Amino acid sequence: MKILKNRNTFFNFLLVSMVLLSTQVFSAPIPKAPNPDVSSYILVDYDSGMVIAAKNPDLILPPASITKIMTSYLAFTELQNKTLDLKDEVLISKNAWKTGGSKMFIEVGKKVRIDELLHGIITTSGNDASVAMAEHISGNEETFAIYMNQMAESLGMTNTNYANSTGLPNEELYTTATDVALLSRALIKNFPKEYKLYSQKEYVFNKIKQYSRNKLLYLDDSVDGIKTGFTQKAGYCLATSAKRGSRRLISVVLGAKSPDQRTKVSKSLLEYGFRFYETHKIFLSNEELIQARVFNGDKNNISLGVIDDTYISVPRRQIKNIKKKFVIDRNLSAPVNENEAVGYMVIELEGKRINTYKLFAMESIKEGSFYRKTLDSIYRYF
């Protein structure tokens, strides 16, 4: 009996050991990204800018009131440039007052402060507030739309065209989930203080309390923006951002069938990204990553690195498996200026390229002497 007992104990110990070993060696696979019945979506990591999941991200679609993200972005730009002040008063035109759709309920002929208009644009999605802001900044909405398109071009929004400040239906108004995510990332990065307005759930103006249509603000404490939209042609749209710990994700859903669907799909995308992906800082700004040979210079080698802190998003527990490849011009010649792009670095995972980063000169290299150039020309020849 004692031998049997010891034998059972040994086999139990062996079984537990095998289970623990298999747990350490083999990690659970990453499930496929959600595939909801919406026209388009994208899920982006804020720090790295990398796409975690997407469906038809470059499909051109009407954005509805998501348009107002750009309207507020331009207002924030003017505030930053000190051409606007939050206390400035805007005289409300009849054109702004009579604009249809969702309203802040401003009154024609009265003056409304810029800070109140911003609440009306962001929290209550007021079309009247958007037109009033556009007219105040650019004189009329047509000129403001030109300003919007100029800013979109500068941000790299290559598949977007604005025709108004509101998102009301117009054949010349269109965008993509990719471009909305790009704009949303720029909004959070360039205007972190002003972005906090997007987390506000309600606003009272003219004794009328209105609530944000972004239901995720009420369901998830990590969500702090961004904007809903709806027209018959656009369907139900939602650009969302959430921050958990040090990580922030941005999701954009276009063409959902109902308000509940856009909320549920956005939440499922955020949960997928936070649960199954990780974000890591892999390089520091101005850190030397590699040295490259330089010809015809006063030095033979130059230090290369990245200008900004560099992040990467990978499936969980896969950071140890990434590989880095440096691609540099073999005929790099002086002069080379500091911060000049002279190559790039490829990040691979499981043999697939997942991102590319430019490599910049960390120093300037001047042209070398005649003697140095002669030696380098002989070196190159042989």
Protein backbone atom coordinates (compact mmCIF):
# COMPACT_ATOMS: atom_id res chain seq x y z
CA MET A 1 0.00 0.00 0.00
CA LYS A 2 2.86 2.35 0.85
CA ILE A 3 4.57 1.64 -2.50
CA LEU A 4 1.29 2.28 -4.34
CA LYS A 5 0.77 5.51 -2.45
CA ASN A 6 4.27 6.72 -3.30
CA ARG A 7 3.76 5.72 -6.92
CA ASN A 8 0.48 7.72 -7.10
CA THR A 9 2.21 10.71 -5.52
CA PHE A 10 5.00 10.49 -8.09
CA PHE A 11 2.58 10.33 -11.02
CA ASN A 12 0.55 13.24 -9.63
CA PHE A 13 3.75 15.27 -9.30
CA LEU A 14 4.75 14.35 -12.86
CA LEU A 15 1.33 15.33 -14.22
CA VAL A 16 1.37 18.71 -12.46
CA SER A 17 4.91 19.35 -13.71
CA MET A 18 3.92 18.58 -17.29
CA VAL A 19 0.93 20.94 -17.05
CA LEU A 20 3.09 23.74 -15.65
CA LEU A 21 5.74 23.16 -18.31
CA SER A 22 3.22 23.23 -21.13
CA THR A 23 1.73 26.44 -19.72
CA GLN A 24 5.14 28.09 -19.73
CA VAL A 25 6.14 26.96 -23.22
CA PHE A 26 2.89 27.29 -25.15
CA SER A 27 0.86 30.51 -25.03
CA ALA A 28 -2.75 30.81 -26.10
CA PRO A 29 -3.19 31.83 -29.76
CA ILE A 30 -4.50 35.28 -30.70
CA PRO A 31 -8.06 35.06 -32.06
CA LYS A 32 -8.99 36.72 -35.32
CA ALA A 33 -10.20 40.31 -35.16
CA PRO A 34 -13.96 40.96 -35.03
CA ASN A 35 -15.78 41.02 -38.38
CA PRO A 36 -18.97 42.99 -37.65
CA ASP A 37 -21.63 43.86 -40.21
CA VAL A 38 -20.58 47.48 -40.71
CA SER A 39 -19.33 49.24 -43.82
CA SER A 40 -15.87 49.98 -42.46
CA TYR A 41 -13.80 50.06 -39.30
CA ILE A 42 -10.25 50.52 -38.08
CA LEU A 43 -8.53 49.99 -34.73
CA VAL A 44 -5.28 51.90 -34.22
CA ASP A 45 -2.74 52.08 -31.41
CA TYR A 46 -2.22 55.73 -30.47
CA ASP A 47 1.49 55.62 -29.59
CA SER A 48 2.75 53.51 -32.48
CA GLY A 49 0.12 54.51 -35.03
CA MET A 50 -0.03 50.87 -36.09
CA VAL A 51 -3.25 49.27 -37.29
CA ILE A 52 -4.33 46.42 -35.02
CA ALA A 53 -7.45 45.44 -36.95
CA ALA A 54 -9.44 46.78 -39.89
CA LYS A 55 -12.26 46.11 -42.33
CA ASN A 56 -12.42 48.16 -45.54
CA PRO A 57 -10.45 50.96 -43.82
CA ASP A 58 -9.96 52.93 -47.06
CA LEU A 59 -13.53 52.65 -48.29
CA ILE A 60 -14.74 56.17 -49.13
CA LEU A 61 -17.89 56.98 -47.16
CA PRO A 62 -19.87 59.99 -45.89
CA PRO A 63 -18.73 60.89 -42.34
CA ALA A 64 -21.89 62.62 -41.03
CA SER A 65 -21.17 64.56 -37.80
CA ILE A 66 -17.71 63.02 -37.41
CA THR A 67 -16.92 65.96 -39.70
CA LYS A 68 -17.08 68.15 -36.59
CA ILE A 69 -13.78 66.68 -35.35
CA MET A 70 -12.09 68.76 -38.03
CA THR A 71 -14.27 71.77 -37.21
CA SER A 72 -13.09 71.71 -33.61
CA TYR A 73 -9.51 70.91 -34.70
CA LEU A 74 -9.40 74.17 -36.68
CA ALA A 75 -10.89 76.09 -33.76
CA PHE A 76 -8.21 74.64 -31.46
CA THR A 77 -5.57 75.60 -34.04
CA GLU A 78 -6.78 79.21 -34.07
CA LEU A 79 -6.82 79.28 -30.26
CA GLN A 80 -3.26 77.93 -30.21
CA ASN A 81 -2.20 80.60 -32.71
CA LYS A 82 -3.91 83.23 -30.51
CA THR A 83 -6.11 84.43 -33.35
CA LEU A 84 -9.07 83.31 -31.23
CA ASP A 85 -9.76 83.54 -27.52
CA LEU A 86 -12.20 81.43 -25.52
CA LYS A 87 -13.86 84.62 -24.28
CA ASP A 88 -14.39 86.04 -27.76
CA GLU A 89 -18.06 86.59 -28.57
CA VAL A 90 -19.56 85.43 -31.86
CA LEU A 91 -22.55 87.20 -33.37
CA ILE A 92 -25.00 84.52 -34.50
CA SER A 93 -26.12 84.89 -38.10
CA LYS A 94 -29.50 83.92 -39.47
CA ASN A 95 -27.70 81.35 -41.65
CA ALA A 96 -26.20 79.63 -38.60
CA TRP A 97 -29.43 79.83 -36.60
CA LYS A 98 -31.57 78.20 -39.32
CA THR A 99 -29.18 75.29 -40.01
CA GLY A 100 -31.12 72.05 -39.77
CA GLY A 101 -30.38 68.85 -37.89
CA SER A 102 -29.03 68.66 -34.33
CA LYS A 103 -28.87 72.01 -32.58
CA MET A 104 -27.25 73.84 -29.71
CA PHE A 105 -30.24 76.24 -29.83
CA ILE A 106 -28.33 79.47 -30.31
CA GLU A 107 -30.44 82.50 -31.26
CA VAL A 108 -30.03 84.79 -34.24
CA GLY A 109 -28.64 88.23 -33.44
CA LYS A 110 -27.25 87.21 -30.04
CA LYS A 111 -23.59 86.80 -29.08
CA VAL A 112 -22.19 83.47 -27.88
CA ARG A 113 -18.69 82.92 -26.53
CA ILE A 114 -16.19 80.66 -28.29
CA ASP A 115 -15.95 78.29 -25.31
CA GLU A 116 -19.73 77.83 -25.36
CA LEU A 117 -19.73 77.16 -29.10
CA LEU A 118 -17.05 74.51 -28.62
CA HIS A 119 -19.28 72.73 -26.10
CA GLY A 120 -22.13 73.01 -28.59
CA ILE A 121 -20.04 71.48 -31.38
CA ILE A 122 -18.42 68.72 -29.32
CA THR A 123 -20.95 67.68 -26.67
CA THR A 124 -24.32 68.46 -28.26
CA SER A 125 -23.16 68.11 -31.91
CA GLY A 126 -24.89 71.36 -32.82
CA ASN A 127 -24.93 72.10 -36.52
CA ASP A 128 -25.87 75.68 -35.73
CA ALA A 129 -22.80 76.01 -33.48
CA SER A 130 -20.55 74.53 -36.19
CA VAL A 131 -21.73 77.01 -38.82
CA ALA A 132 -21.38 79.92 -36.39
CA MET A 133 -17.78 78.85 -35.65
CA ALA A 134 -16.99 78.42 -39.35
CA GLU A 135 -18.37 81.87 -40.19
CA HIS A 136 -16.46 83.49 -37.33
CA ILE A 137 -13.13 81.91 -38.34
CA SER A 138 -13.36 82.17 -42.14
CA GLY A 139 -16.19 84.58 -42.95
CA ASN A 140 -18.40 81.92 -44.49
CA GLU A 141 -18.74 78.16 -44.51
CA GLU A 142 -17.46 77.74 -48.08
CA THR A 143 -14.12 79.37 -47.21
CA PHE A 144 -13.97 77.35 -43.98
CA ALA A 145 -14.36 74.15 -46.02
CA ILE A 146 -11.27 75.16 -48.03
CA TYR A 147 -9.41 75.61 -44.72
CA MET A 148 -10.61 72.16 -43.62
CA ASN A 149 -9.27 70.56 -46.80
CA GLN A 150 -5.94 72.33 -46.47
CA MET A 151 -5.56 70.98 -42.96
CA ALA A 152 -6.64 67.50 -44.06
CA GLU A 153 -3.94 67.54 -46.75
CA SER A 154 -1.28 68.66 -44.26
CA LEU A 155 -2.25 65.76 -41.96
CA GLY A 156 -1.98 63.22 -44.76
CA MET A 157 -5.72 62.55 -45.06
CA THR A 158 -5.47 61.54 -48.71
CA ASN A 159 -9.02 60.21 -49.17
CA THR A 160 -10.99 63.00 -47.49
CA ASN A 161 -12.83 66.02 -48.84
CA TYR A 162 -14.84 68.48 -46.78
CA ALA A 163 -17.77 70.50 -48.11
CA ASN A 164 -19.19 71.91 -44.87
CA SER A 165 -18.48 72.21 -41.15
CA THR A 166 -21.40 70.07 -39.97
CA GLY A 167 -21.45 66.76 -41.79
CA LEU A 168 -24.87 67.42 -43.30
CA PRO A 169 -25.33 65.46 -46.55
CA ASN A 170 -23.29 66.68 -49.50
CA GLU A 171 -21.96 64.70 -52.48
CA GLU A 172 -18.57 66.41 -52.08
CA LEU A 173 -18.22 65.38 -48.42
CA TYR A 174 -16.44 62.08 -47.85
CA THR A 175 -13.71 60.36 -45.84
CA THR A 176 -12.39 56.97 -44.75
CA ALA A 177 -11.93 55.21 -41.43
CA THR A 178 -8.16 55.47 -41.93
CA ASP A 179 -8.32 59.25 -42.34
CA VAL A 180 -10.64 59.72 -39.35
CA ALA A 181 -8.22 57.73 -37.19
CA LEU A 182 -5.35 59.88 -38.48
CA LEU A 183 -7.23 63.08 -37.58
CA SER A 184 -8.25 61.70 -34.18
CA ARG A 185 -4.64 60.82 -33.36
CA ALA A 186 -3.50 64.31 -34.35
CA LEU A 187 -6.28 65.87 -32.25
CA ILE A 188 -5.21 64.02 -29.10
CA LYS A 189 -1.49 64.59 -29.71
CA ASN A 190 -1.61 68.26 -30.67
CA PHE A 191 -4.37 69.44 -28.34
CA PRO A 192 -4.29 67.26 -25.19
CA LYS A 193 -5.81 69.97 -22.97
CA GLU A 194 -8.62 70.87 -25.37
CA TYR A 195 -9.29 67.20 -26.10
CA LYS A 196 -10.68 66.83 -22.57
CA LEU A 197 -13.85 68.55 -23.82
CA TYR A 198 -14.67 65.32 -25.65
CA SER A 199 -15.13 63.43 -22.39
CA GLN A 200 -17.97 65.70 -21.24
CA LYS A 201 -21.28 63.84 -21.08
CA GLU A 202 -23.68 66.79 -20.93
CA TYR A 203 -23.91 70.54 -21.39
CA VAL A 204 -26.52 73.15 -20.49
CA PHE A 205 -27.06 76.15 -22.77
CA ASN A 206 -30.01 78.49 -22.83
CA LYS A 207 -31.49 76.46 -19.93
CA ILE A 208 -31.55 73.37 -22.16
CA LYS A 209 -29.56 70.32 -21.02
CA GLN A 210 -28.31 68.06 -23.76
CA TYR A 211 -26.35 64.81 -23.50
CA SER A 212 -23.50 63.38 -25.53
CA ARG A 213 -24.64 60.75 -28.03
CA ASN A 214 -21.47 58.74 -27.38
CA LYS A 215 -22.93 56.02 -25.13
CA LEU A 216 -19.49 54.52 -24.49
CA LEU A 217 -18.73 57.51 -22.26
CA TYR A 218 -21.38 56.12 -19.89
CA LEU A 219 -20.45 52.43 -20.26
CA ASP A 220 -16.65 52.50 -20.06
CA ASP A 221 -14.67 54.78 -17.76
CA SER A 222 -11.57 54.42 -19.94
CA VAL A 223 -13.35 56.03 -22.91
CA ASP A 224 -12.78 59.79 -23.17
CA GLY A 225 -14.09 60.62 -26.67
CA ILE A 226 -14.58 61.19 -29.51
CA LYS A 227 -17.57 61.78 -31.83
CA THR A 228 -20.73 60.21 -33.16
CA GLY A 229 -22.42 60.80 -36.49
CA PHE A 230 -25.58 59.85 -38.35
CA THR A 231 -27.30 60.53 -41.65
CA GLN A 232 -29.45 58.20 -43.72
CA LYS A 233 -26.65 57.75 -46.25
CA ALA A 234 -23.77 57.50 -43.76
CA GLY A 235 -25.51 55.24 -41.28
CA TYR A 236 -24.39 55.32 -37.65
CA CYS A 237 -20.76 56.27 -37.13
CA LEU A 238 -18.50 56.54 -34.11
CA ALA A 239 -14.90 57.57 -33.55
CA THR A 240 -13.76 56.43 -30.11
CA SER A 241 -10.66 56.64 -27.97
CA ALA A 242 -9.91 54.92 -24.68
CA LYS A 243 -6.92 54.94 -22.36
CA ARG A 244 -6.09 52.10 -19.97
CA GLY A 245 -2.91 52.50 -17.98
CA SER A 246 -0.28 53.89 -20.34
CA ARG A 247 -1.96 52.56 -23.48
CA ARG A 248 -4.43 54.41 -25.69
CA LEU A 249 -6.40 52.98 -28.61
CA ILE A 250 -8.50 54.69 -31.28
CA SER A 251 -11.36 52.97 -33.10
CA VAL A 252 -13.46 54.28 -35.97
CA VAL A 253 -16.69 52.59 -37.05
CA LEU A 254 -18.53 53.80 -40.17
CA GLY A 255 -21.83 52.62 -41.57
CA ALA A 256 -23.33 50.76 -38.62
CA LYS A 257 -27.02 49.82 -38.75
CA SER A 258 -28.08 51.33 -35.42
CA PRO A 259 -26.80 53.37 -32.46
CA ASP A 260 -26.54 50.20 -30.37
CA GLN A 261 -24.51 48.43 -33.06
CA ARG A 262 -21.95 51.22 -33.40
CA THR A 263 -21.55 51.22 -29.61
CA LYS A 264 -21.21 47.45 -29.32
CA VAL A 265 -18.81 47.16 -32.26
CA SER A 266 -16.63 49.99 -30.94
CA LYS A 267 -16.50 48.41 -27.50
CA SER A 268 -15.64 44.98 -28.90
CA LEU A 269 -12.80 46.47 -30.95
CA LEU A 270 -11.34 48.26 -27.93
CA GLU A 271 -11.57 45.12 -25.81
CA TYR A 272 -9.87 43.10 -28.55
CA GLY A 273 -7.00 45.57 -28.83
CA PHE A 274 -6.41 45.95 -25.11
CA ARG A 275 -6.67 42.22 -24.39
CA PHE A 276 -4.71 40.66 -27.23
CA TYR A 277 -2.12 43.30 -28.17
CA GLU A 278 0.71 45.07 -26.38
CA THR A 279 2.50 48.34 -27.04
CA HIS A 280 6.21 48.68 -26.33
CA LYS A 281 8.66 51.55 -26.60
CA ILE A 282 11.53 50.08 -28.59
CA PHE A 283 13.74 53.11 -29.27
CA LEU A 284 14.41 56.41 -27.53
CA SER A 285 14.63 59.71 -29.37
CA ASN A 286 18.16 60.61 -30.46
CA GLU A 287 19.50 57.23 -29.33
CA GLU A 288 22.24 55.77 -31.54
CA LEU A 289 20.93 52.58 -33.11
CA ILE A 290 23.63 51.89 -35.67
CA GLN A 291 26.67 53.43 -37.35
CA ALA A 292 26.98 53.73 -41.12
CA ARG A 293 29.96 54.22 -43.40
CA VAL A 294 30.21 57.68 -44.98
CA PHE A 295 32.38 58.45 -48.00
CA ASN A 296 34.12 61.73 -48.79
CA GLY A 297 33.54 63.07 -45.28
CA ASP A 298 35.68 64.43 -42.48
CA LYS A 299 34.68 61.26 -40.57
CA ASN A 300 34.33 57.68 -41.77
CA ASN A 301 31.23 56.77 -39.75
CA ILE A 302 27.98 58.46 -38.79
CA SER A 303 25.55 57.68 -35.95
CA LEU A 304 21.96 56.92 -36.99
CA GLY A 305 18.80 56.80 -34.91
CA VAL A 306 15.19 58.00 -34.65
CA ILE A 307 14.09 61.55 -33.89
CA ASP A 308 11.11 60.67 -31.68
CA ASP A 309 10.46 57.91 -29.18
CA THR A 310 9.41 54.88 -31.21
CA TYR A 311 6.67 52.43 -30.26
CA ILE A 312 5.49 49.15 -31.68
CA SER A 313 2.25 47.19 -31.26
CA VAL A 314 2.44 43.40 -31.40
CA PRO A 315 0.29 40.45 -30.33
CA ARG A 316 0.70 39.72 -26.64
CA ARG A 317 3.94 38.03 -25.56
CA GLN A 318 5.48 38.42 -29.02
CA ILE A 319 7.84 41.35 -28.42
CA LYS A 320 10.76 38.94 -27.85
CA ASN A 321 10.28 37.53 -31.35
CA ILE A 322 10.60 40.74 -33.37
CA LYS A 323 13.61 41.16 -35.66
CA LYS A 324 15.20 44.42 -36.83
CA LYS A 325 16.80 45.02 -40.21
CA PHE A 326 18.64 48.21 -41.14
CA VAL A 327 18.65 49.43 -44.74
CA ILE A 328 21.17 52.18 -45.49
CA ASP A 329 22.57 53.57 -48.75
CA ARG A 330 25.93 51.86 -49.28
CA ASN A 331 27.18 54.91 -51.17
CA LEU A 332 26.29 57.45 -48.49
CA SER A 333 28.46 60.50 -49.15
CA ALA A 334 29.18 63.74 -47.32
CA PRO A 335 27.91 66.29 -46.72
CA VAL A 336 25.21 64.85 -44.44
CA ASN A 337 23.10 67.13 -42.26
CA GLU A 338 21.91 66.35 -38.76
CA ASN A 339 18.32 64.96 -38.76
CA GLU A 340 18.57 64.10 -42.46
CA ALA A 341 16.84 60.83 -43.37
CA VAL A 342 19.48 58.44 -44.75
CA GLY A 343 17.88 55.01 -44.42
CA TYR A 344 15.21 53.01 -42.72
CA MET A 345 14.69 50.17 -40.32
CA VAL A 346 12.32 47.26 -40.89
CA ILE A 347 10.63 45.44 -37.99
CA GLU A 348 9.63 41.86 -38.76
CA LEU A 349 7.59 39.31 -36.86
CA GLU A 350 7.39 35.70 -38.03
CA GLY A 351 9.04 36.70 -41.31
CA LYS A 352 6.49 39.43 -42.09
CA ARG A 353 7.21 43.15 -42.17
CA ILE A 354 5.00 44.83 -39.58
CA ASN A 355 6.41 48.36 -39.61
CA THR A 356 9.10 50.59 -41.08
CA TYR A 357 10.85 53.53 -39.42
CA LYS A 358 13.07 56.17 -40.99
CA LEU A 359 16.65 56.43 -39.77
CA PHE A 360 18.05 59.91 -39.28
CA ALA A 361 21.60 61.25 -38.95
CA MET A 362 22.36 62.04 -35.32
CA GLU A 363 25.17 64.38 -36.37
CA SER A 364 26.41 66.41 -39.32
CA ILE A 365 29.30 65.19 -41.48
CA LYS A 366 31.15 67.78 -43.54
CA GLU A 367 33.03 67.16 -46.76
CA GLY A 368 36.50 65.78 -46.14
CA SER A 369 39.84 66.91 -47.53
CA PHE A 370 41.09 66.13 -51.04
CA TYR A 371 43.28 63.44 -49.51
CA ARG A 372 40.28 61.83 -47.76
CA LYS A 373 38.19 61.92 -50.94
CA THR A 374 41.03 60.33 -52.91
CA LEU A 375 41.38 57.49 -50.40
CA ASP A 376 37.62 56.86 -50.44
CA SER A 377 37.50 56.79 -54.23
CA ILE A 378 40.29 54.16 -54.24
CA TYR A 379 38.44 52.20 -51.54
CA ARG A 380 35.24 52.25 -53.56
CA TYR A 381 37.04 51.16 -56.72
CA PHE A 382 38.52 48.07 -55.13
